[in-house]
N, C-alpha and C. Protein backbone atom coordinates (compact mmCIF):
# COMPACT_ATOMS: atom_id res chain seq x y z
N MET A 1 185.35 12.70 118.72
CA MET A 1 183.61 12.35 118.28
C MET A 1 183.37 12.90 117.27
N SER A 2 182.83 12.11 115.77
CA SER A 2 182.63 12.47 114.92
C SER A 2 181.22 12.86 115.23
N HIS A 3 181.15 13.97 114.10
CA HIS A 3 179.40 14.39 114.24
C HIS A 3 178.96 14.03 112.55
N PHE A 4 177.86 13.31 112.45
CA PHE A 4 176.76 12.80 111.50
C PHE A 4 176.46 14.32 110.12
N PHE A 5 176.10 15.45 111.03
CA PHE A 5 175.89 16.43 110.27
C PHE A 5 176.23 17.32 111.03
N GLN A 6 177.16 18.78 110.20
CA GLN A 6 177.20 19.92 111.06
C GLN A 6 176.56 20.96 110.40
N ILE A 7 175.85 21.23 111.51
CA ILE A 7 175.84 22.74 111.09
C ILE A 7 175.97 24.78 111.93
N GLU A 8 176.20 24.98 111.19
CA GLU A 8 176.29 26.09 111.97
C GLU A 8 175.73 27.24 111.69
N THR A 9 175.15 28.30 113.07
CA THR A 9 173.98 29.12 113.14
C THR A 9 174.38 30.40 113.13
N VAL A 10 174.05 31.28 112.05
CA VAL A 10 174.56 32.42 111.94
C VAL A 10 173.65 33.38 112.15
N ASP A 11 173.95 34.41 112.87
CA ASP A 11 172.98 36.06 113.30
C ASP A 11 173.47 36.77 112.27
N ALA A 12 172.43 37.31 110.91
CA ALA A 12 172.89 37.68 109.71
C ALA A 12 173.22 39.47 110.22
N GLU A 13 173.26 39.61 111.77
CA GLU A 13 173.46 40.99 112.03
C GLU A 13 174.64 41.09 111.95
N ASN A 14 175.44 39.49 113.00
CA ASN A 14 177.02 39.63 112.99
C ASN A 14 177.36 38.68 112.72
N PRO A 15 177.36 38.64 111.62
CA PRO A 15 178.29 37.25 110.78
C PRO A 15 179.85 37.45 110.67
N SER A 16 180.23 37.26 111.77
CA SER A 16 181.39 37.38 112.50
C SER A 16 182.71 36.54 112.18
N ASP A 17 182.40 35.32 111.33
CA ASP A 17 183.00 34.31 110.83
C ASP A 17 183.24 34.09 109.38
N ALA A 18 183.75 33.26 108.95
CA ALA A 18 183.55 32.75 107.28
C ALA A 18 183.30 31.20 107.05
N PRO A 19 181.97 30.69 106.94
CA PRO A 19 181.68 29.40 107.38
C PRO A 19 181.50 29.04 106.05
N LEU A 20 181.37 29.88 104.79
CA LEU A 20 181.37 29.24 103.87
C LEU A 20 182.85 28.60 103.08
N ALA A 21 183.90 28.90 104.25
CA ALA A 21 184.90 28.40 103.62
C ALA A 21 185.08 26.89 104.43
N ALA A 22 184.43 26.73 105.74
CA ALA A 22 184.30 25.34 106.12
C ALA A 22 183.51 25.17 105.39
N LEU A 23 182.46 25.37 105.23
CA LEU A 23 180.93 24.43 104.20
C LEU A 23 181.85 23.67 103.29
N ARG A 24 182.89 24.34 102.24
CA ARG A 24 183.64 24.13 101.30
C ARG A 24 184.77 23.01 101.38
N ALA A 25 185.24 23.40 102.89
CA ALA A 25 186.59 22.62 103.01
C ALA A 25 185.09 21.01 103.51
N GLY A 26 184.02 20.77 103.59
CA GLY A 26 183.57 19.59 104.33
C GLY A 26 183.57 19.83 105.88
N GLU A 27 183.68 20.43 106.41
CA GLU A 27 184.03 20.47 107.74
C GLU A 27 182.80 21.01 108.58
N LEU A 28 182.19 21.42 107.59
CA LEU A 28 180.15 22.20 108.01
C LEU A 28 179.07 21.42 106.72
N HIS A 29 178.16 20.98 107.21
CA HIS A 29 177.20 20.37 106.45
C HIS A 29 176.40 21.82 105.44
N ALA A 30 175.96 22.46 106.51
CA ALA A 30 175.26 23.83 106.36
C ALA A 30 175.26 24.73 107.02
N VAL A 31 174.98 25.73 106.37
CA VAL A 31 175.14 26.90 107.61
C VAL A 31 173.67 27.64 107.44
N LEU A 32 172.99 27.52 108.37
CA LEU A 32 171.89 28.20 109.03
C LEU A 32 172.14 30.15 109.12
N VAL A 33 170.98 30.66 108.55
CA VAL A 33 171.64 32.18 108.99
C VAL A 33 170.41 32.09 109.34
N ARG A 34 170.46 33.69 110.52
CA ARG A 34 169.17 33.77 111.32
C ARG A 34 168.60 35.22 111.24
N ASN A 35 167.46 35.95 111.13
CA ASN A 35 167.57 37.40 111.40
C ASN A 35 167.53 38.21 109.93
N VAL A 36 167.75 37.71 108.76
CA VAL A 36 168.23 37.99 107.87
C VAL A 36 167.21 40.07 107.40
N TYR A 37 165.52 38.94 107.70
CA TYR A 37 164.88 40.61 107.47
C TYR A 37 164.28 40.50 109.40
N PRO A 38 163.78 41.06 109.49
CA PRO A 38 162.42 41.49 110.87
C PRO A 38 161.54 40.85 110.33
N ALA A 39 161.16 39.70 111.34
CA ALA A 39 159.51 39.11 111.27
C ALA A 39 158.26 40.65 110.42
N GLU A 40 158.49 41.55 111.03
CA GLU A 40 157.58 42.28 110.58
C GLU A 40 157.07 42.05 108.68
N VAL A 41 159.12 42.81 108.48
CA VAL A 41 159.43 43.32 106.78
C VAL A 41 158.55 41.60 106.28
N MET A 42 158.70 40.33 107.13
CA MET A 42 158.53 38.79 106.36
C MET A 42 157.09 38.92 106.36
N GLU A 43 156.27 39.34 107.33
CA GLU A 43 155.09 38.94 107.32
C GLU A 43 154.22 39.93 106.37
N ALA A 44 154.59 41.01 106.21
CA ALA A 44 154.37 41.75 104.73
C ALA A 44 154.57 41.12 103.55
N ALA A 45 156.25 40.74 103.95
CA ALA A 45 156.17 40.02 101.95
C ALA A 45 155.58 38.69 101.79
N VAL A 46 154.89 38.05 102.78
CA VAL A 46 154.08 37.05 102.44
C VAL A 46 153.02 37.73 101.96
N ARG A 47 152.09 38.27 102.90
CA ARG A 47 151.07 39.40 102.43
C ARG A 47 151.21 39.61 100.87
N ALA A 48 152.06 40.45 100.58
CA ALA A 48 152.42 40.56 99.29
C ALA A 48 152.37 39.37 98.25
N LEU A 49 152.95 38.51 98.72
CA LEU A 49 153.45 37.40 97.61
C LEU A 49 152.14 36.81 97.50
N GLU A 50 150.97 36.61 98.86
CA GLU A 50 150.01 35.90 98.49
C GLU A 50 148.96 36.55 97.30
N VAL A 51 149.12 37.65 96.90
CA VAL A 51 148.31 38.44 95.77
C VAL A 51 149.73 38.95 94.34
N ASN A 52 150.35 37.95 94.79
CA ASN A 52 151.12 38.90 93.83
C ASN A 52 151.77 40.50 93.54
N ALA A 53 151.70 41.31 94.82
CA ALA A 53 151.74 42.58 95.00
C ALA A 53 152.94 42.92 94.20
N PRO A 54 153.78 42.65 93.93
CA PRO A 54 155.02 43.24 93.09
C PRO A 54 154.85 43.07 91.85
N GLY A 55 153.84 42.27 90.91
CA GLY A 55 153.46 42.04 90.17
C GLY A 55 154.32 41.05 88.95
N PHE A 56 154.75 39.85 89.72
CA PHE A 56 156.34 38.86 89.34
C PHE A 56 155.40 38.24 88.08
N VAL A 57 155.98 37.85 86.93
CA VAL A 57 155.76 36.88 86.13
C VAL A 57 155.33 35.36 86.67
N LYS A 58 154.33 35.03 86.69
CA LYS A 58 154.27 33.39 87.07
C LYS A 58 154.45 32.51 85.92
N SER A 59 155.04 31.94 86.03
CA SER A 59 155.19 29.94 85.47
C SER A 59 154.74 29.09 86.43
N HIS A 60 154.40 27.85 85.91
CA HIS A 60 153.53 27.05 86.54
C HIS A 60 154.73 25.49 86.17
N PHE A 61 154.71 24.96 87.36
CA PHE A 61 155.24 23.22 87.31
C PHE A 61 153.60 22.68 86.71
N PRO A 62 153.83 21.56 86.28
CA PRO A 62 153.00 20.29 85.78
C PRO A 62 151.96 20.80 87.03
N ALA A 63 150.51 20.53 86.85
CA ALA A 63 149.34 20.83 87.36
C ALA A 63 149.63 19.79 88.27
N ALA A 64 149.67 17.89 88.02
CA ALA A 64 149.89 17.40 89.62
C ALA A 64 150.45 18.45 90.57
N PHE A 65 151.75 19.35 90.39
CA PHE A 65 152.46 19.39 91.97
C PHE A 65 151.44 20.83 92.75
N LYS A 66 150.28 21.18 91.64
CA LYS A 66 149.76 22.76 92.47
C LYS A 66 151.01 23.16 93.02
N ALA A 67 151.91 24.18 91.90
CA ALA A 67 152.85 24.54 92.57
C ALA A 67 153.17 25.70 91.13
N PHE A 68 154.13 26.79 91.48
CA PHE A 68 154.08 27.38 90.48
C PHE A 68 156.22 28.35 91.19
N PHE A 69 156.13 29.33 90.51
CA PHE A 69 157.40 30.11 90.15
C PHE A 69 156.84 31.46 89.89
N TYR A 70 157.51 32.40 91.20
CA TYR A 70 157.62 33.74 90.50
C TYR A 70 158.69 34.00 89.91
N GLY A 71 158.80 34.72 88.14
CA GLY A 71 160.12 34.55 87.79
C GLY A 71 160.03 33.40 86.89
N LEU A 72 160.96 33.22 86.25
CA LEU A 72 161.34 32.37 85.06
C LEU A 72 162.82 31.12 85.15
N ASN A 73 161.69 29.99 85.12
CA ASN A 73 162.80 28.96 85.50
C ASN A 73 163.43 28.52 84.58
N LEU A 74 164.89 28.64 84.65
CA LEU A 74 165.83 28.97 83.69
C LEU A 74 165.91 27.25 83.09
N ASN A 75 165.77 26.76 81.98
CA ASN A 75 165.30 25.37 81.15
C ASN A 75 166.48 25.61 80.14
N LEU A 76 167.63 25.01 80.72
CA LEU A 76 168.44 24.54 79.44
C LEU A 76 167.92 24.11 78.24
N ALA A 77 167.50 23.28 78.16
CA ALA A 77 166.73 22.45 77.04
C ALA A 77 165.99 23.63 76.34
N ALA A 78 165.01 24.09 77.14
CA ALA A 78 164.45 25.40 76.00
C ALA A 78 165.33 25.76 74.48
N PRO A 79 164.44 25.71 73.21
CA PRO A 79 165.29 26.07 72.61
C PRO A 79 165.77 27.67 72.04
N ASP A 80 165.17 28.63 72.84
CA ASP A 80 165.29 30.25 73.01
C ASP A 80 164.82 30.74 74.03
N LEU A 81 166.62 31.46 74.57
CA LEU A 81 166.18 31.56 75.81
C LEU A 81 166.43 33.63 75.88
N ARG A 82 165.62 33.68 75.14
CA ARG A 82 165.79 35.13 75.03
C ARG A 82 164.68 35.75 76.00
N PRO A 83 163.48 34.94 76.19
CA PRO A 83 162.47 35.34 77.24
C PRO A 83 162.91 35.33 78.67
N TYR A 84 163.67 34.02 79.13
CA TYR A 84 164.37 34.49 80.12
C TYR A 84 165.56 35.43 80.79
N PHE A 85 166.28 35.93 79.85
CA PHE A 85 166.96 37.05 80.07
C PHE A 85 165.89 38.62 79.57
N ALA A 86 165.14 38.04 78.49
CA ALA A 86 164.42 39.45 78.38
C ALA A 86 163.68 39.83 79.72
N GLY A 87 163.32 38.53 80.35
CA GLY A 87 162.09 38.90 81.84
C GLY A 87 163.33 38.95 82.98
N GLU A 88 164.74 39.36 82.76
CA GLU A 88 164.86 39.63 84.01
C GLU A 88 165.26 40.91 85.07
N PRO A 89 164.91 41.87 84.04
CA PRO A 89 164.94 43.34 84.55
C PRO A 89 163.75 43.59 85.72
N GLY A 90 162.36 43.06 84.60
CA GLY A 90 161.09 43.04 85.36
C GLY A 90 161.09 42.22 86.90
N PHE A 91 162.19 40.97 86.73
CA PHE A 91 162.04 40.07 88.00
C PHE A 91 162.80 41.20 88.63
N ARG A 92 163.76 41.30 88.53
CA ARG A 92 164.53 42.28 89.12
C ARG A 92 164.02 43.75 90.04
N ALA A 93 163.37 44.58 89.36
CA ALA A 93 162.54 45.73 89.93
C ALA A 93 161.40 44.74 90.76
N ALA A 94 160.86 43.92 90.43
CA ALA A 94 159.52 43.01 91.58
C ALA A 94 160.74 42.58 92.63
N LEU A 95 161.77 41.71 92.44
CA LEU A 95 162.11 41.68 93.56
C LEU A 95 162.61 42.90 94.71
N ALA A 96 163.22 43.78 94.10
CA ALA A 96 163.58 44.56 94.86
C ALA A 96 162.67 45.53 95.67
N ALA A 97 161.04 45.77 94.96
CA ALA A 97 160.20 45.66 95.36
C ALA A 97 159.36 45.20 96.85
N LEU A 98 160.04 43.96 96.56
CA LEU A 98 159.21 43.47 97.72
C LEU A 98 159.38 43.51 99.35
N VAL A 99 160.74 43.92 99.41
CA VAL A 99 161.44 43.99 101.15
C VAL A 99 162.58 45.16 100.69
N SER A 100 163.00 45.98 101.86
CA SER A 100 163.80 46.81 101.91
C SER A 100 164.66 46.65 103.20
N PRO A 101 165.64 46.13 102.64
CA PRO A 101 166.55 46.48 101.80
C PRO A 101 166.11 45.26 100.23
N GLY A 102 166.42 45.28 99.58
CA GLY A 102 166.23 44.69 98.37
C GLY A 102 166.67 42.99 98.83
N ILE A 103 166.20 41.84 98.49
CA ILE A 103 166.66 40.74 98.83
C ILE A 103 167.87 40.87 97.88
N GLU A 104 168.33 41.02 96.77
CA GLU A 104 169.53 40.41 95.98
C GLU A 104 170.51 41.28 96.82
N ALA A 105 170.70 42.87 97.15
CA ALA A 105 171.76 43.18 97.37
C ALA A 105 171.67 42.57 99.28
N ARG A 106 170.57 42.27 100.21
CA ARG A 106 170.65 41.85 101.17
C ARG A 106 171.59 40.64 101.85
N VAL A 107 170.91 39.86 100.92
CA VAL A 107 171.67 38.41 100.72
C VAL A 107 172.87 38.11 100.01
N GLY A 108 173.34 39.28 98.83
CA GLY A 108 174.57 39.07 98.09
C GLY A 108 175.52 39.83 98.89
N ASP A 109 175.15 40.65 100.07
CA ASP A 109 176.19 41.22 100.66
C ASP A 109 176.36 40.01 102.38
N LEU A 110 175.47 39.92 102.59
CA LEU A 110 175.40 38.20 103.90
C LEU A 110 175.95 37.06 103.16
N LEU A 111 176.33 36.89 102.00
CA LEU A 111 176.84 35.98 101.03
C LEU A 111 178.47 36.15 101.61
N THR A 112 178.62 37.70 100.93
CA THR A 112 180.03 38.05 100.96
C THR A 112 180.59 37.96 102.28
N ALA A 113 180.07 38.56 103.16
CA ALA A 113 180.47 38.80 104.55
C ALA A 113 180.77 37.24 104.99
N LEU A 114 180.08 36.25 105.00
CA LEU A 114 179.96 34.79 105.19
C LEU A 114 181.29 33.82 104.53
N ASP A 115 181.65 34.75 103.13
CA ASP A 115 182.69 33.84 102.43
C ASP A 115 183.76 34.89 102.65
N ASP A 116 184.06 35.45 103.38
CA ASP A 116 185.03 36.58 103.85
C ASP A 116 185.80 37.22 101.99
N GLY A 117 184.65 37.58 101.89
CA GLY A 117 185.15 39.04 100.74
C GLY A 117 184.46 38.31 99.36
N PRO A 118 184.12 37.64 98.72
CA PRO A 118 184.13 37.78 97.17
C PRO A 118 182.30 38.10 97.12
N ALA A 119 182.52 39.06 95.84
CA ALA A 119 181.37 39.75 95.84
C ALA A 119 180.23 38.89 95.52
N TYR A 120 178.92 38.37 95.99
CA TYR A 120 177.86 37.56 94.69
C TYR A 120 177.04 38.73 94.83
N GLY A 121 176.30 37.69 93.28
CA GLY A 121 174.95 38.48 92.98
C GLY A 121 174.60 37.73 91.83
N ALA A 122 173.99 38.11 90.74
CA ALA A 122 173.47 38.03 90.11
C ALA A 122 174.11 37.13 88.73
N ALA A 123 175.01 36.58 87.64
CA ALA A 123 176.08 36.01 86.76
C ALA A 123 175.38 37.15 85.92
N PRO A 124 176.93 37.34 84.89
CA PRO A 124 176.06 37.95 83.71
C PRO A 124 175.81 36.97 83.00
N GLY A 125 174.85 37.58 81.56
CA GLY A 125 174.65 36.53 81.00
C GLY A 125 175.26 36.31 79.43
N PRO A 126 174.65 35.59 78.77
CA PRO A 126 175.49 35.96 77.17
C PRO A 126 175.61 37.05 76.77
N GLN A 127 174.56 37.76 77.08
CA GLN A 127 175.08 38.94 76.13
C GLN A 127 174.95 40.08 76.72
N PRO A 128 176.06 41.15 76.35
CA PRO A 128 176.34 42.61 76.99
C PRO A 128 174.82 43.02 77.59
N GLY A 129 175.31 43.73 79.35
CA GLY A 129 174.42 43.77 79.79
C GLY A 129 173.11 42.95 80.57
N SER A 130 173.29 41.26 79.70
CA SER A 130 171.84 40.57 80.49
C SER A 130 172.25 40.08 81.73
N ARG A 131 171.28 39.09 82.38
CA ARG A 131 172.40 38.89 83.62
C ARG A 131 170.84 37.90 83.59
N TYR A 132 171.54 36.49 84.88
CA TYR A 132 171.08 35.84 84.62
C TYR A 132 169.95 36.18 86.06
N HIS A 133 168.79 35.63 86.47
CA HIS A 133 167.69 36.27 87.42
C HIS A 133 168.63 35.31 88.43
N PHE A 134 168.55 36.47 89.65
CA PHE A 134 169.25 36.15 90.86
C PHE A 134 168.78 35.21 91.61
N THR A 135 166.94 34.67 91.32
CA THR A 135 166.74 33.64 92.38
C THR A 135 165.33 33.53 91.39
N THR A 136 164.76 32.50 92.31
CA THR A 136 163.40 31.94 91.57
C THR A 136 162.31 32.06 93.17
N ILE A 137 161.32 32.36 93.15
CA ILE A 137 160.36 32.39 94.49
C ILE A 137 159.34 31.22 93.76
N ARG A 138 160.06 30.04 94.52
CA ARG A 138 158.44 29.11 94.84
C ARG A 138 157.26 28.68 95.53
N GLY A 139 156.50 28.55 95.20
CA GLY A 139 155.30 28.50 96.13
C GLY A 139 154.42 27.45 95.20
N HIS A 140 153.47 26.68 96.41
CA HIS A 140 152.43 25.88 96.40
C HIS A 140 151.32 26.02 96.50
N GLY A 141 150.21 25.60 96.41
CA GLY A 141 148.23 25.64 96.90
C GLY A 141 148.30 24.48 97.47
N THR A 142 147.16 24.59 98.35
CA THR A 142 147.05 23.86 99.46
C THR A 142 147.23 21.83 98.54
N GLY A 143 147.77 21.31 99.19
CA GLY A 143 148.19 20.05 98.42
C GLY A 143 148.96 19.76 97.48
N GLY A 144 149.52 20.78 97.30
CA GLY A 144 150.57 21.44 96.83
C GLY A 144 152.23 20.51 97.12
N PHE A 145 153.16 20.24 95.76
CA PHE A 145 154.46 20.21 96.47
C PHE A 145 155.57 20.47 95.14
N ILE A 146 156.85 20.86 95.88
CA ILE A 146 157.46 20.74 95.06
C ILE A 146 158.82 19.74 95.47
N PRO A 147 158.60 18.87 94.45
CA PRO A 147 159.67 17.37 94.63
C PRO A 147 160.85 17.93 94.57
N PRO A 148 161.17 17.47 95.97
CA PRO A 148 163.05 16.76 96.27
C PRO A 148 163.66 17.15 94.83
N HIS A 149 164.66 17.90 94.98
CA HIS A 149 165.81 18.46 93.53
C HIS A 149 167.20 18.95 94.02
N PHE A 150 167.86 19.28 93.47
CA PHE A 150 168.87 19.85 93.50
C PHE A 150 168.78 21.04 92.23
N ASP A 151 169.24 22.27 92.56
CA ASP A 151 169.80 23.33 91.85
C ASP A 151 171.18 23.45 92.28
N ASN A 152 171.49 24.37 90.66
CA ASN A 152 172.78 24.80 91.42
C ASN A 152 173.07 25.96 91.40
């Protein structure tokens, strides 16, 4: 019997196999990771994000979307990417302050475990010591939306 859509659910506290290899091989379509953080940690993170307590730089989608980013979106069409790379250390510090353990360390370690070993983290930037942002945080206001799209 074939499956239309195959999802594997993994508990973050016991990632016992390497489902990302199965994902790459086309044997899975998605991997759902549960219990990355305790509920109370995420509740506190939501409260902090609602008022931008970590002090993220905020950038906006076009007004019709009623949506925003915490952090800077990488726009490869921009004539100058220096502001993006210059903003990365502040974003990394704010992200680390949001939850403990920090998102970059926790998610990177989980991805490493789920992929049987390769290290995950932010990619190095074009200049020595520079880095790409590990992620952005996207949000929207009442009635807002972020259109479906694919990021790499």
